[in-house]
């Protein structure tokens, strides 16, 4: 799943470790989310959104990700 975590993190001037500490995960988790290798749980997505003062829908590009998923399902 694509997210805007890296964009928001950089705009906030945070390192991956600083962000990880704020949301109680490892820096590796943040790295994996930023590389779209890991989809955050709903609670983690909510915590990240709170740090950045945005909503989960915006942070996690939910409309765009749903559209991609719908296309993949149609192609099955």
PDB file of N, CA and C in Angstrom:
ATOM      1  N   UNK A   1       0.841  -1.177   0.000  1.00  0.00           N
ATOM      2  CA  UNK A   1       0.000   0.000   0.000  1.00  0.00           C
ATOM      3  C   UNK A   1       0.887   1.242   0.000  1.00  0.00           C
ATOM      4  N   UNK A   2       0.572   2.141  -0.889  1.00  0.00           N
ATOM      5  CA  UNK A   2       1.286   3.409  -0.932  1.00  0.00           C
ATOM      6  C   UNK A   2       0.755   4.331   0.162  1.00  0.00           C
ATOM      7  N   UNK A   3       1.662   5.045   0.798  1.00  0.00           N
ATOM      8  CA  UNK A   3       1.275   6.033   1.811  1.00  0.00           C
ATOM      9  C   UNK A   3       2.064   7.315   1.574  1.00  0.00           C
ATOM     10  N   UNK A   4       1.703   8.333   2.333  1.00  0.00           N
ATOM     11  CA  UNK A   4       2.429   9.603   2.266  1.00  0.00           C
ATOM     12  C   UNK A   4       3.264   9.811   3.531  1.00  0.00           C
ATOM     13  N   UNK A   5       3.569   8.721   4.231  1.00  0.00           N
ATOM     14  CA  UNK A   5       4.297   8.809   5.496  1.00  0.00           C
ATOM     15  C   UNK A   5       5.641   9.502   5.306  1.00  0.00           C
ATOM     16  N   UNK A   6       6.398   9.110   4.308  1.00  0.00           N
ATOM     17  CA  UNK A   6       7.718   9.704   4.098  1.00  0.00           C
ATOM     18  C   UNK A   6       7.594  11.203   3.833  1.00  0.00           C
ATOM     19  N   UNK A   7       6.647  11.567   2.996  1.00  0.00           N
ATOM     20  CA  UNK A   7       6.415  12.982   2.668  1.00  0.00           C
ATOM     21  C   UNK A   7       6.084  13.790   3.927  1.00  0.00           C
ATOM     22  N   UNK A   8       5.141  13.280   4.719  1.00  0.00           N
ATOM     23  CA  UNK A   8       4.744  13.971   5.946  1.00  0.00           C
ATOM     24  C   UNK A   8       5.894  13.994   6.959  1.00  0.00           C
ATOM     25  N   UNK A   9       6.628  12.887   7.062  1.00  0.00           N
ATOM     26  CA  UNK A   9       7.739  12.814   8.020  1.00  0.00           C
ATOM     27  C   UNK A   9       8.808  13.847   7.689  1.00  0.00           C
ATOM     28  N   UNK A  10       9.177  13.920   6.419  1.00  0.00           N
ATOM     29  CA  UNK A  10      10.206  14.874   6.007  1.00  0.00           C
ATOM     30  C   UNK A  10       9.740  16.309   6.217  1.00  0.00           C
ATOM     31  N   UNK A  11       8.481  16.586   5.906  1.00  0.00           N
ATOM     32  CA  UNK A  11       7.928  17.929   6.097  1.00  0.00           C
ATOM     33  C   UNK A  11       7.942  18.322   7.576  1.00  0.00           C
ATOM     34  N   UNK A  12       7.789  17.328   8.449  1.00  0.00           N
ATOM     35  CA  UNK A  12       7.802  17.577   9.894  1.00  0.00           C
ATOM     36  C   UNK A  12       9.220  17.632  10.453  1.00  0.00           C
ATOM     37  N   UNK A  13      10.198  17.319   9.619  1.00  0.00           N
ATOM     38  CA  UNK A  13      11.591  17.352  10.072  1.00  0.00           C
ATOM     39  C   UNK A  13      11.940  16.231  11.031  1.00  0.00           C
ATOM     40  N   UNK A  14      11.289  15.086  10.883  1.00  0.00           N
ATOM     41  CA  UNK A  14      11.535  13.954  11.773  1.00  0.00           C
ATOM     42  C   UNK A  14      12.380  12.891  11.082  1.00  0.00           C
ATOM     43  N   UNK A  15      13.214  12.226  11.848  1.00  0.00           N
ATOM     44  CA  UNK A  15      13.910  11.053  11.334  1.00  0.00           C
ATOM     45  C   UNK A  15      12.960   9.864  11.446  1.00  0.00           C
ATOM     46  N   UNK A  16      13.311   8.781  10.792  1.00  0.00           N
ATOM     47  CA  UNK A  16      12.496   7.573  10.898  1.00  0.00           C
ATOM     48  C   UNK A  16      12.462   7.090  12.338  1.00  0.00           C
ATOM     49  N   UNK A  17      13.581   7.178  13.035  1.00  0.00           N
ATOM     50  CA  UNK A  17      13.624   6.738  14.433  1.00  0.00           C
ATOM     51  C   UNK A  17      12.763   7.625  15.321  1.00  0.00           C
ATOM     52  N   UNK A  18      12.800   8.927  15.113  1.00  0.00           N
ATOM     53  CA  UNK A  18      11.977   9.836  15.913  1.00  0.00           C
ATOM     54  C   UNK A  18      10.492   9.547  15.723  1.00  0.00           C
ATOM     55  N   UNK A  19      10.094   9.330  14.475  1.00  0.00           N
ATOM     56  CA  UNK A  19       8.693   9.012  14.207  1.00  0.00           C
ATOM     57  C   UNK A  19       8.326   7.673  14.837  1.00  0.00           C
ATOM     58  N   UNK A  20       9.189   6.692  14.680  1.00  0.00           N
ATOM     59  CA  UNK A  20       8.952   5.376  15.269  1.00  0.00           C
ATOM     60  C   UNK A  20       8.752   5.483  16.777  1.00  0.00           C
ATOM     61  N   UNK A  21       9.587   6.265  17.437  1.00  0.00           N
ATOM     62  CA  UNK A  21       9.468   6.444  18.883  1.00  0.00           C
ATOM     63  C   UNK A  21       8.121   7.059  19.259  1.00  0.00           C
ATOM     64  N   UNK A  22       7.656   8.002  18.461  1.00  0.00           N
ATOM     65  CA  UNK A  22       6.389   8.680  18.763  1.00  0.00           C
ATOM     66  C   UNK A  22       5.176   7.760  18.627  1.00  0.00           C
ATOM     67  N   UNK A  23       5.272   6.774  17.736  1.00  0.00           N
ATOM     68  CA  UNK A  23       4.117   5.883  17.518  1.00  0.00           C
ATOM     69  C   UNK A  23       4.356   4.470  18.062  1.00  0.00           C
ATOM     70  N   UNK A  24       5.460   4.300  18.796  1.00  0.00           N
ATOM     71  CA  UNK A  24       5.749   3.058  19.520  1.00  0.00           C
ATOM     72  C   UNK A  24       5.962   1.844  18.618  1.00  0.00           C
ATOM     73  N   UNK A  25       6.747   2.038  17.561  1.00  0.00           N
ATOM     74  CA  UNK A  25       7.155   0.932  16.688  1.00  0.00           C
ATOM     75  C   UNK A  25       8.654   1.050  16.444  1.00  0.00           C
ATOM     76  N   UNK A  26       9.216   0.112  15.700  1.00  0.00           N
ATOM     77  CA  UNK A  26      10.639   0.180  15.379  1.00  0.00           C
ATOM     78  C   UNK A  26      10.855   1.065  14.151  1.00  0.00           C
ATOM     79  N   UNK A  27      12.052   1.554  14.009  1.00  0.00           N
ATOM     80  CA  UNK A  27      12.401   2.329  12.815  1.00  0.00           C
ATOM     81  C   UNK A  27      12.230   1.461  11.578  1.00  0.00           C
ATOM     82  N   UNK A  28      12.498   0.168  11.711  1.00  0.00           N
ATOM     83  CA  UNK A  28      12.337  -0.770  10.584  1.00  0.00           C
ATOM     84  C   UNK A  28      10.891  -0.779  10.075  1.00  0.00           C
ATOM     85  N   UNK A  29       9.940  -0.658  10.991  1.00  0.00           N
ATOM     86  CA  UNK A  29       8.527  -0.613  10.597  1.00  0.00           C
ATOM     87  C   UNK A  29       8.256   0.630   9.762  1.00  0.00           C
ATOM     88  N   UNK A  30       8.769   1.761  10.194  1.00  0.00           N
ATOM     89  CA  UNK A  30       8.583   3.010   9.437  1.00  0.00           C
ATOM     90  C   UNK A  30       9.224   2.884   8.062  1.00  0.00           C
ATOM     91  N   UNK A  31      10.421   2.337   8.009  1.00  0.00           N
ATOM     92  CA  UNK A  31      11.116   2.141   6.725  1.00  0.00           C
ATOM     93  C   UNK A  31      10.269   1.264   5.805  1.00  0.00           C
ATOM     94  N   UNK A  32       9.733   0.183   6.330  1.00  0.00           N
ATOM     95  CA  UNK A  32       8.919  -0.735   5.524  1.00  0.00           C
ATOM     96  C   UNK A  32       7.641  -0.070   5.023  1.00  0.00           C
ATOM     97  N   UNK A  33       7.023   0.743   5.859  1.00  0.00           N
ATOM     98  CA  UNK A  33       5.824   1.473   5.439  1.00  0.00           C
ATOM     99  C   UNK A  33       6.180   2.448   4.320  1.00  0.00           C
ATOM    100  N   UNK A  34       7.265   3.179   4.492  1.00  0.00           N
ATOM    101  CA  UNK A  34       7.674   4.156   3.488  1.00  0.00           C
ATOM    102  C   UNK A  34       8.026   3.510   2.151  1.00  0.00           C
ATOM    103  N   UNK A  35       8.502   2.286   2.175  1.00  0.00           N
ATOM    104  CA  UNK A  35       8.851   1.566   0.944  1.00  0.00           C
ATOM    105  C   UNK A  35       7.674   0.764   0.389  1.00  0.00           C
ATOM    106  N   UNK A  36       6.503   0.914   0.995  1.00  0.00           N
ATOM    107  CA  UNK A  36       5.293   0.188   0.595  1.00  0.00           C
ATOM    108  C   UNK A  36       5.485  -1.329   0.681  1.00  0.00           C
ATOM    109  N   UNK A  37       6.306  -1.766   1.631  1.00  0.00           N
ATOM    110  CA  UNK A  37       6.530  -3.188   1.866  1.00  0.00           C
ATOM    111  C   UNK A  37       5.661  -3.715   3.004  1.00  0.00           C
ATOM    112  N   UNK A  38       5.010  -2.795   3.716  1.00  0.00           N
ATOM    113  CA  UNK A  38       4.211  -3.160   4.877  1.00  0.00           C
ATOM    114  C   UNK A  38       3.042  -2.185   4.973  1.00  0.00           C
ATOM    115  N   UNK A  39       1.850  -2.733   5.185  1.00  0.00           N
ATOM    116  CA  UNK A  39       0.666  -1.899   5.383  1.00  0.00           C
ATOM    117  C   UNK A  39       0.424  -1.754   6.881  1.00  0.00           C
ATOM    118  N   UNK A  40       0.355  -0.528   7.358  1.00  0.00           N
ATOM    119  CA  UNK A  40       0.169  -0.341   8.803  1.00  0.00           C
ATOM    120  C   UNK A  40      -1.215  -0.806   9.253  1.00  0.00           C
ATOM    121  N   UNK A  41      -1.288  -1.254  10.493  1.00  0.00           N
ATOM    122  CA  UNK A  41      -2.589  -1.583  11.069  1.00  0.00           C
ATOM    123  C   UNK A  41      -3.413  -0.306  11.151  1.00  0.00           C
ATOM    124  N   UNK A  42      -4.686  -0.457  11.360  1.00  0.00           N
ATOM    125  CA  UNK A  42      -5.557   0.708  11.480  1.00  0.00           C
ATOM    126  C   UNK A  42      -5.106   1.595  12.637  1.00  0.00           C
ATOM    127  N   UNK A  43      -4.764   0.976  13.763  1.00  0.00           N
ATOM    128  CA  UNK A  43      -4.343   1.770  14.922  1.00  0.00           C
ATOM    129  C   UNK A  43      -3.032   2.500  14.644  1.00  0.00           C
ATOM    130  N   UNK A  44      -2.076   1.840  14.003  1.00  0.00           N
ATOM    131  CA  UNK A  44      -0.808   2.504  13.674  1.00  0.00           C
ATOM    132  C   UNK A  44      -1.047   3.635  12.682  1.00  0.00           C
ATOM    133  N   UNK A  45      -1.885   3.405  11.692  1.00  0.00           N
ATOM    134  CA  UNK A  45      -2.205   4.460  10.724  1.00  0.00           C
ATOM    135  C   UNK A  45      -2.830   5.657  11.441  1.00  0.00           C
ATOM    136  N   UNK A  46      -3.697   5.392  12.399  1.00  0.00           N
ATOM    137  CA  UNK A  46      -4.332   6.461  13.176  1.00  0.00           C
ATOM    138  C   UNK A  46      -3.300   7.230  13.995  1.00  0.00           C
ATOM    139  N   UNK A  47      -2.391   6.510  14.627  1.00  0.00           N
ATOM    140  CA  UNK A  47      -1.346   7.174  15.422  1.00  0.00           C
ATOM    141  C   UNK A  47      -0.454   8.048  14.535  1.00  0.00           C
ATOM    142  N   UNK A  48      -0.088   7.517  13.367  1.00  0.00           N
ATOM    143  CA  UNK A  48       0.739   8.290  12.431  1.00  0.00           C
ATOM    144  C   UNK A  48      -0.013   9.538  11.980  1.00  0.00           C
ATOM    145  N   UNK A  49      -1.277   9.389  11.648  1.00  0.00           N
ATOM    146  CA  UNK A  49      -2.078  10.531  11.208  1.00  0.00           C
ATOM    147  C   UNK A  49      -2.156  11.593  12.302  1.00  0.00           C
ATOM    148  N   UNK A  50      -2.287  11.168  13.543  1.00  0.00           N
ATOM    149  CA  UNK A  50      -2.336  12.125  14.656  1.00  0.00           C
ATOM    150  C   UNK A  50      -1.033  12.900  14.780  1.00  0.00           C
ATOM    151  N   UNK A  51       0.092  12.225  14.623  1.00  0.00           N
ATOM    152  CA  UNK A  51       1.391  12.901  14.697  1.00  0.00           C
ATOM    153  C   UNK A  51       1.463  14.017  13.669  1.00  0.00           C
ATOM    154  N   UNK A  52       0.926  13.762  12.472  1.00  0.00           N
ATOM    155  CA  UNK A  52       1.034  14.724  11.383  1.00  0.00           C
ATOM    156  C   UNK A  52      -0.152  15.668  11.278  1.00  0.00           C
ATOM    157  N   UNK A  53      -1.141  15.512  12.134  1.00  0.00           N
ATOM    158  CA  UNK A  53      -2.295  16.407  12.104  1.00  0.00           C
ATOM    159  C   UNK A  53      -3.131  16.245  10.835  1.00  0.00           C
ATOM    160  N   UNK A  54      -3.248  15.017  10.383  1.00  0.00           N
ATOM    161  CA  UNK A  54      -4.054  14.727   9.187  1.00  0.00           C
ATOM    162  C   UNK A  54      -4.960  13.555   9.498  1.00  0.00           C
ATOM    163  N   UNK A  55      -5.673  13.076   8.492  1.00  0.00           N
ATOM    164  CA  UNK A  55      -6.536  11.917   8.702  1.00  0.00           C
ATOM    165  C   UNK A  55      -5.935  10.692   8.013  1.00  0.00           C
ATOM    166  N   UNK A  56      -6.408   9.530   8.402  1.00  0.00           N
ATOM    167  CA  UNK A  56      -5.900   8.270   7.872  1.00  0.00           C
ATOM    168  C   UNK A  56      -6.130   8.190   6.367  1.00  0.00           C
ATOM    169  N   UNK A  57      -7.278   8.658   5.925  1.00  0.00           N
ATOM    170  CA  UNK A  57      -7.606   8.596   4.503  1.00  0.00           C
ATOM    171  C   UNK A  57      -6.571   9.334   3.657  1.00  0.00           C
ATOM    172  N   UNK A  58      -6.158  10.496   4.097  1.00  0.00           N
ATOM    173  CA  UNK A  58      -5.157  11.281   3.375  1.00  0.00           C
ATOM    174  C   UNK A  58      -3.781  10.646   3.494  1.00  0.00           C
ATOM    175  N   UNK A  59      -3.383  10.294   4.702  1.00  0.00           N
ATOM    176  CA  UNK A  59      -2.057   9.737   4.942  1.00  0.00           C
ATOM    177  C   UNK A  59      -1.837   8.442   4.172  1.00  0.00           C
ATOM    178  N   UNK A  60      -2.857   7.610   4.113  1.00  0.00           N
ATOM    179  CA  UNK A  60      -2.721   6.297   3.480  1.00  0.00           C
ATOM    180  C   UNK A  60      -3.247   6.250   2.051  1.00  0.00           C
ATOM    181  N   UNK A  61      -3.574   7.398   1.478  1.00  0.00           N
ATOM    182  CA  UNK A  61      -4.021   7.458   0.066  1.00  0.00           C
ATOM    183  C   UNK A  61      -5.103   6.414  -0.187  1.00  0.00           C
ATOM    184  N   UNK A  62      -6.103   6.365   0.683  1.00  0.00           N
ATOM    185  CA  UNK A  62      -7.082   5.286   0.621  1.00  0.00           C
ATOM    186  C   UNK A  62      -7.862   5.246  -0.684  1.00  0.00           C
ATOM    187  N   UNK A  63      -8.252   6.385  -1.224  1.00  0.00           N
ATOM    188  CA  UNK A  63      -9.011   6.381  -2.480  1.00  0.00           C
ATOM    189  C   UNK A  63      -8.172   5.794  -3.616  1.00  0.00           C
ATOM    190  N   UNK A  64      -6.924   6.227  -3.720  1.00  0.00           N
ATOM    191  CA  UNK A  64      -6.040   5.738  -4.783  1.00  0.00           C
ATOM    192  C   UNK A  64      -5.728   4.254  -4.597  1.00  0.00           C
ATOM    193  N   UNK A  65      -5.485   3.842  -3.363  1.00  0.00           N
ATOM    194  CA  UNK A  65      -5.193   2.431  -3.103  1.00  0.00           C
ATOM    195  C   UNK A  65      -6.408   1.544  -3.375  1.00  0.00           C
ATOM    196  N   UNK A  66      -7.602   2.042  -3.058  1.00  0.00           N
ATOM    197  CA  UNK A  66      -8.822   1.284  -3.343  1.00  0.00           C
ATOM    198  C   UNK A  66      -8.984   1.115  -4.847  1.00  0.00           C
ATOM    199  N   UNK A  67      -8.739   2.174  -5.589  1.00  0.00           N
ATOM    200  CA  UNK A  67      -8.853   2.115  -7.042  1.00  0.00           C
ATOM    201  C   UNK A  67      -7.897   1.067  -7.628  1.00  0.00           C
ATOM    202  N   UNK A  68      -6.659   1.056  -7.147  1.00  0.00           N
ATOM    203  CA  UNK A  68      -5.690   0.059  -7.612  1.00  0.00           C
ATOM    204  C   UNK A  68      -6.132  -1.350  -7.261  1.00  0.00           C
ATOM    205  N   UNK A  69      -6.618  -1.515  -6.044  1.00  0.00           N
ATOM    206  CA  UNK A  69      -7.070  -2.837  -5.615  1.00  0.00           C
ATOM    207  C   UNK A  69      -8.274  -3.291  -6.433  1.00  0.00           C
ATOM    208  N   UNK A  70      -9.199  -2.367  -6.706  1.00  0.00           N
ATOM    209  CA  UNK A  70     -10.372  -2.716  -7.514  1.00  0.00           C
ATOM    210  C   UNK A  70      -9.952  -3.183  -8.909  1.00  0.00           C
ATOM    211  N   UNK A  71      -8.975  -2.524  -9.501  1.00  0.00           N
ATOM    212  CA  UNK A  71      -8.482  -2.924 -10.821  1.00  0.00           C
ATOM    213  C   UNK A  71      -7.856  -4.310 -10.783  1.00  0.00           C
ATOM    214  N   UNK A  72      -7.102  -4.589  -9.719  1.00  0.00           N
ATOM    215  CA  UNK A  72      -6.485  -5.910  -9.574  1.00  0.00           C
ATOM    216  C   UNK A  72      -7.544  -6.995  -9.454  1.00  0.00           C
ATOM    217  N   UNK A  73      -8.607  -6.704  -8.711  1.00  0.00           N
ATOM    218  CA  UNK A  73      -9.688  -7.682  -8.534  1.00  0.00           C
ATOM    219  C   UNK A  73     -10.399  -7.927  -9.853  1.00  0.00           C
ATOM    220  N   UNK A  74     -10.602  -6.881 -10.622  1.00  0.00           N
ATOM    221  CA  UNK A  74     -11.265  -7.026 -11.922  1.00  0.00           C
ATOM    222  C   UNK A  74     -10.447  -7.901 -12.879  1.00  0.00           C
ATOM    223  N   UNK A  75      -9.149  -7.892 -12.731  1.00  0.00           N
ATOM    224  CA  UNK A  75      -8.268  -8.646 -13.625  1.00  0.00           C
ATOM    225  C   UNK A  75      -8.081 -10.109 -13.215  1.00  0.00           C
ATOM    226  N   UNK A  76      -8.728 -10.524 -12.139  1.00  0.00           N
ATOM    227  CA  UNK A  76      -8.606 -11.929 -11.707  1.00  0.00           C
ATOM    228  C   UNK A  76      -9.466 -12.848 -12.526  1.00  0.00           C
TER     229      UNK A  76
END
